[in-house]
Amino acid sequence: MSAYFAFARSSFHSQLAYRNEVWANIFGKLVQVFARVAIWQAAYAGVGAIVVEGVSLQQMVTYALLGGAVMGATRPERIIGEIGRSLKTGDVAIWLLKPLSYPLYLFANECGSFLYRLATQVIPTVAFTALFYGMLPPASPFHAVMFIAFWALSFALLFLISALFGLVAFWLMTSFSLDWILGALLQLFSGVLVPFWFFPEPLATIARHLPFAWIVYYPNAIYLGRLSTPEIWLHLGLGLGWAALFLAGVLWLWRCASSRITVQGG
């Protein structure tokens, strides 16, 4: 485990070398959050109401801020791109000679990047925009704790889904467009742009049962108190089930990819 911790620490420190990028990323995140909030302010002003479908404007502002925080700390295109670069350069074959797991290396690497983005981008962005717009507190201490638990589950799920997409590149021989496909699915079905309570039926019901819902929608809905305690525990169990399924898929694809590298490499 010390080796994977070293990978995570190295990933964190390597990104500190690009300090000018920190300010550029913070500015970019601020623009994204301001745009999301402005859209919802305009939407509520357009209908001439401060509460729509039982959701207040302040709740939607909080949802927009949290959505940027949850998605902003993890970058699936970076995970897919890392696998694509390793495949293109042939570096991935070296992992067959090491007593280490390539998927665990990717996870450790992403953990380091996650902590870096959390400290340098997410927290400053949310703090600034919360002071500017105002941000609702969690519905209760229990909801606050469960929000953190679901955020951790969101990180794990997003990593596993990204790794699964990335490993498909072993058969396509390129990761080109894989991150676009995943990005489009996340934009539509994670709830980052529009929460599911504004979706038409039956699309809302379908979206609530897809694994992408656990990445943004459920953490935010729990923070705002939109789910009861039994529903929270139920969806936590379902989310863990999705994570276990994707973990099995990643491990199986890596075994298949390893065999493919061995066969093609002689």
Protein backbone atom coordinates (compact mmCIF):
# COMPACT_ATOMS: atom_id res chain seq x y z
CA MET A 1 0.00 0.00 0.00
CA SER A 2 2.96 2.34 0.57
CA ALA A 3 3.68 2.25 -3.17
CA TYR A 4 0.16 3.40 -4.04
CA PHE A 5 0.35 6.12 -1.38
CA ALA A 6 3.58 7.29 -3.03
CA PHE A 7 1.79 7.41 -6.41
CA ALA A 8 -1.00 9.54 -4.89
CA ARG A 9 1.49 11.89 -3.24
CA SER A 10 3.48 12.18 -6.46
CA SER A 11 0.34 13.02 -8.42
CA PHE A 12 -0.54 15.73 -5.90
CA HIS A 13 2.92 17.31 -5.91
CA SER A 14 3.38 17.12 -9.67
CA GLN A 15 0.36 19.35 -10.22
CA LEU A 16 1.65 21.92 -7.75
CA ALA A 17 4.41 22.70 -10.24
CA TYR A 18 1.87 24.43 -12.50
CA ARG A 19 0.84 27.25 -10.20
CA ASN A 20 -0.45 29.54 -12.93
CA GLU A 21 -2.82 26.77 -13.93
CA VAL A 22 -4.39 26.95 -10.46
CA TRP A 23 -5.61 30.51 -11.05
CA ALA A 24 -6.80 29.68 -14.54
CA ASN A 25 -8.77 26.68 -13.23
CA ILE A 26 -10.32 28.69 -10.41
CA PHE A 27 -11.39 31.35 -12.88
CA GLY A 28 -12.85 28.70 -15.16
CA LYS A 29 -14.78 27.10 -12.30
CA LEU A 30 -16.13 30.47 -11.20
CA VAL A 31 -17.39 31.18 -14.71
CA GLN A 32 -19.11 27.77 -14.86
CA VAL A 33 -20.79 28.22 -11.48
CA PHE A 34 -21.90 31.77 -12.23
CA ALA A 35 -23.36 30.57 -15.54
CA ARG A 36 -25.31 27.75 -13.86
CA VAL A 37 -26.69 30.07 -11.18
CA ALA A 38 -27.60 32.72 -13.75
CA ILE A 39 -29.54 30.13 -15.77
CA TRP A 40 -31.63 29.11 -12.78
CA GLN A 41 -32.20 32.70 -11.71
CA ALA A 42 -33.45 33.48 -15.22
CA ALA A 43 -35.63 30.34 -15.27
CA TYR A 44 -37.33 31.17 -11.98
CA ALA A 45 -37.76 34.81 -13.03
CA GLY A 46 -39.32 33.62 -16.27
CA VAL A 47 -42.07 31.69 -14.48
CA GLY A 48 -42.52 34.48 -11.95
CA ALA A 49 -42.19 32.23 -8.90
CA ILE A 50 -39.64 31.56 -6.16
CA VAL A 51 -40.79 27.95 -5.70
CA VAL A 52 -41.20 25.49 -8.60
CA GLU A 53 -42.13 21.82 -8.07
CA GLY A 54 -41.53 22.32 -4.35
CA VAL A 55 -37.98 23.57 -4.96
CA SER A 56 -37.03 27.14 -4.04
CA LEU A 57 -34.63 29.32 -5.98
CA GLN A 58 -32.17 29.28 -3.07
CA GLN A 59 -32.23 25.48 -3.11
CA MET A 60 -31.44 25.48 -6.82
CA VAL A 61 -28.59 27.95 -6.28
CA THR A 62 -27.21 25.62 -3.61
CA TYR A 63 -27.70 22.64 -5.94
CA ALA A 64 -25.75 24.45 -8.68
CA LEU A 65 -22.89 25.26 -6.30
CA LEU A 66 -22.74 21.69 -5.00
CA GLY A 67 -22.98 20.23 -8.48
CA GLY A 68 -19.92 22.19 -9.50
CA ALA A 69 -18.08 21.01 -6.38
CA VAL A 70 -18.93 17.34 -6.79
CA MET A 71 -18.07 17.21 -10.49
CA GLY A 72 -15.21 19.69 -10.28
CA ALA A 73 -13.04 17.50 -8.06
CA THR A 74 -12.94 14.56 -10.46
CA ARG A 75 -12.04 14.71 -14.14
CA PRO A 76 -13.03 11.55 -16.03
CA GLU A 77 -11.34 12.76 -19.21
CA ARG A 78 -8.01 12.76 -17.35
CA ILE A 79 -8.45 9.11 -16.34
CA ILE A 80 -9.43 8.03 -19.85
CA GLY A 81 -6.63 10.14 -21.34
CA GLU A 82 -4.06 8.55 -19.01
CA ILE A 83 -5.04 5.07 -20.20
CA GLY A 84 -5.02 6.21 -23.82
CA ARG A 85 -1.52 7.71 -23.51
CA SER A 86 -0.17 4.59 -21.80
CA LEU A 87 -1.61 2.46 -24.57
CA LYS A 88 -0.23 4.67 -27.33
CA THR A 89 3.30 4.86 -25.87
CA GLY A 90 3.35 1.21 -24.83
CA ASP A 91 4.02 2.08 -21.19
CA VAL A 92 1.01 0.02 -20.14
CA ALA A 93 2.91 -3.17 -21.03
CA ILE A 94 5.46 -2.39 -18.32
CA TRP A 95 2.76 -2.95 -15.70
CA LEU A 96 2.68 -6.62 -16.64
CA LEU A 97 6.25 -6.85 -15.30
CA LYS A 98 5.53 -5.05 -12.04
CA PRO A 99 4.13 -6.62 -8.85
CA LEU A 100 1.53 -3.86 -8.80
CA SER A 101 -2.00 -3.43 -10.08
CA TYR A 102 -2.50 -0.98 -12.94
CA PRO A 103 -6.12 -0.18 -11.93
CA LEU A 104 -4.96 0.52 -8.36
CA TYR A 105 -2.21 2.76 -9.72
CA LEU A 106 -4.81 4.71 -11.70
CA PHE A 107 -6.95 5.00 -8.56
CA ALA A 108 -4.03 6.21 -6.42
CA ASN A 109 -3.06 8.69 -9.11
CA GLU A 110 -6.61 10.05 -9.28
CA CYS A 111 -6.82 10.29 -5.47
CA GLY A 112 -3.79 12.58 -5.48
CA SER A 113 -5.30 14.70 -8.26
CA PHE A 114 -8.64 14.76 -6.44
CA LEU A 115 -7.07 16.14 -3.27
CA TYR A 116 -5.17 18.73 -5.30
CA ARG A 117 -8.29 19.95 -7.12
CA LEU A 118 -10.30 19.87 -3.89
CA ALA A 119 -7.80 22.11 -2.10
CA THR A 120 -6.93 24.48 -4.94
CA GLN A 121 -10.11 24.69 -7.00
CA VAL A 122 -13.27 23.30 -5.42
CA ILE A 123 -13.08 24.72 -1.89
CA PRO A 124 -12.01 28.25 -2.98
CA THR A 125 -14.65 28.33 -5.72
CA VAL A 126 -17.49 27.16 -3.49
CA ALA A 127 -16.42 29.45 -0.65
CA PHE A 128 -16.34 32.52 -2.89
CA THR A 129 -19.60 31.82 -4.70
CA ALA A 130 -21.34 30.88 -1.42
CA LEU A 131 -20.41 34.27 0.02
CA PHE A 132 -21.61 35.97 -3.16
CA TYR A 133 -24.91 34.13 -3.65
CA GLY A 134 -25.59 32.56 -0.26
CA MET A 135 -25.66 28.82 0.30
CA LEU A 136 -28.10 26.78 2.34
CA PRO A 137 -26.68 24.57 5.11
CA PRO A 138 -27.33 20.79 5.07
CA ALA A 139 -30.87 19.77 6.00
CA SER A 140 -29.55 18.19 9.23
CA PRO A 141 -26.29 16.87 10.71
CA PHE A 142 -27.32 13.41 9.52
CA HIS A 143 -27.80 14.70 5.97
CA ALA A 144 -24.40 16.41 6.15
CA VAL A 145 -22.68 13.14 7.12
CA MET A 146 -24.53 11.21 4.44
CA PHE A 147 -23.68 13.85 1.85
CA ILE A 148 -19.98 13.24 2.55
CA ALA A 149 -20.55 9.47 2.34
CA PHE A 150 -22.35 9.84 -0.99
CA TRP A 151 -19.64 12.19 -2.25
CA ALA A 152 -17.05 9.50 -1.52
CA LEU A 153 -19.27 6.98 -3.33
CA SER A 154 -19.61 9.46 -6.20
CA PHE A 155 -15.83 9.70 -6.52
CA ALA A 156 -15.43 5.92 -6.51
CA LEU A 157 -18.21 5.42 -9.07
CA LEU A 158 -16.95 8.13 -11.40
CA PHE A 159 -13.44 6.69 -11.28
CA LEU A 160 -14.67 3.15 -11.97
CA ILE A 161 -16.92 4.25 -14.84
CA SER A 162 -14.08 6.32 -16.34
CA ALA A 163 -11.61 3.44 -15.98
CA LEU A 164 -14.12 1.09 -17.62
CA PHE A 165 -14.50 3.44 -20.58
CA GLY A 166 -10.74 3.91 -20.75
CA LEU A 167 -10.00 0.18 -20.83
CA VAL A 168 -12.25 -0.17 -23.87
CA ALA A 169 -9.44 1.64 -25.71
CA PHE A 170 -7.46 -1.64 -25.70
CA TRP A 171 -9.88 -2.93 -28.32
CA LEU A 172 -10.38 0.35 -30.17
CA MET A 173 -6.63 1.09 -29.99
CA THR A 174 -7.45 4.71 -29.14
CA SER A 175 -9.24 6.61 -26.39
CA PHE A 176 -10.37 9.27 -28.85
CA SER A 177 -14.03 10.22 -28.32
CA LEU A 178 -14.48 7.88 -25.32
CA ASP A 179 -14.26 10.83 -22.94
CA TRP A 180 -16.75 12.73 -25.11
CA ILE A 181 -19.25 9.89 -24.91
CA LEU A 182 -18.88 9.62 -21.14
CA GLY A 183 -19.05 13.39 -20.76
CA ALA A 184 -22.32 13.53 -22.69
CA LEU A 185 -23.84 10.76 -20.55
CA LEU A 186 -22.76 12.55 -17.38
CA GLN A 187 -24.16 15.89 -18.50
CA LEU A 188 -27.55 14.33 -19.21
CA PHE A 189 -27.97 11.59 -16.61
CA SER A 190 -25.92 12.71 -13.58
CA GLY A 191 -28.17 15.65 -12.78
CA VAL A 192 -25.33 18.14 -12.95
CA LEU A 193 -27.23 20.45 -15.32
CA VAL A 194 -30.88 19.72 -14.47
CA PRO A 195 -32.02 17.81 -11.35
CA PHE A 196 -34.28 14.87 -11.98
CA TRP A 197 -37.29 16.43 -10.27
CA PHE A 198 -37.57 18.68 -13.34
CA PHE A 199 -37.26 15.76 -15.79
CA PRO A 200 -40.41 14.58 -17.61
CA GLU A 201 -41.64 11.06 -16.96
CA PRO A 202 -40.63 8.36 -17.69
CA LEU A 203 -37.16 9.87 -18.27
CA ALA A 204 -36.92 10.94 -14.62
CA THR A 205 -37.62 7.41 -13.36
CA ILE A 206 -35.08 5.94 -15.75
CA ALA A 207 -32.43 8.51 -14.82
CA ARG A 208 -32.88 7.88 -11.08
CA HIS A 209 -31.97 4.22 -11.55
CA LEU A 210 -28.89 4.72 -13.74
CA PRO A 211 -25.47 4.69 -12.03
CA PHE A 212 -24.77 8.28 -13.15
CA ALA A 213 -27.44 9.51 -10.71
CA TRP A 214 -25.16 8.66 -7.77
CA ILE A 215 -22.46 10.99 -9.08
CA VAL A 216 -24.27 14.32 -8.64
CA TYR A 217 -28.02 14.01 -8.12
CA TYR A 218 -28.21 11.85 -5.00
CA PRO A 219 -25.42 13.62 -3.04
CA ASN A 220 -27.06 16.99 -3.73
CA ALA A 221 -30.60 15.76 -3.07
CA ILE A 222 -29.46 14.37 0.29
CA TYR A 223 -27.72 17.62 1.21
CA LEU A 224 -30.98 19.52 0.54
CA GLY A 225 -33.08 16.99 2.47
CA ARG A 226 -35.03 15.80 -0.55
CA LEU A 227 -34.72 12.14 0.50
CA SER A 228 -36.08 10.53 3.65
CA THR A 229 -33.86 8.45 5.93
CA PRO A 230 -35.11 5.08 4.58
CA GLU A 231 -34.58 6.33 1.01
CA ILE A 232 -31.04 7.44 1.87
CA TRP A 233 -30.07 4.00 3.20
CA LEU A 234 -31.76 2.29 0.24
CA HIS A 235 -29.91 4.38 -2.31
CA LEU A 236 -26.65 3.99 -0.44
CA GLY A 237 -27.00 0.23 -0.78
CA LEU A 238 -27.91 0.53 -4.46
CA GLY A 239 -24.97 2.83 -5.08
CA LEU A 240 -22.58 0.40 -3.40
CA GLY A 241 -24.04 -2.33 -5.58
CA TRP A 242 -23.32 -0.28 -8.71
CA ALA A 243 -19.77 0.36 -7.46
CA ALA A 244 -19.20 -3.37 -6.89
CA LEU A 245 -20.53 -4.14 -10.37
CA PHE A 246 -18.26 -1.60 -12.05
CA LEU A 247 -15.29 -2.74 -9.95
CA ALA A 248 -15.83 -6.29 -11.20
CA GLY A 249 -16.12 -4.93 -14.74
CA VAL A 250 -12.85 -2.97 -14.47
CA LEU A 251 -10.94 -5.96 -13.07
CA TRP A 252 -12.35 -8.28 -15.74
CA LEU A 253 -11.54 -5.85 -18.57
CA TRP A 254 -8.00 -5.39 -17.24
CA ARG A 255 -7.47 -9.16 -17.20
CA CYS A 256 -8.73 -9.37 -20.77
CA ALA A 257 -6.56 -6.41 -21.78
CA SER A 258 -3.51 -7.97 -20.11
CA SER A 259 -4.04 -11.17 -22.10
CA ARG A 260 -4.44 -9.14 -25.25
CA ILE A 261 -1.14 -7.31 -24.63
CA THR A 262 0.64 -10.60 -23.90
CA VAL A 263 -0.68 -12.26 -27.06
CA GLN A 264 0.06 -9.31 -29.35
CA GLY A 265 3.42 -8.72 -27.74
CA GLY A 266 4.43 -12.36 -28.16
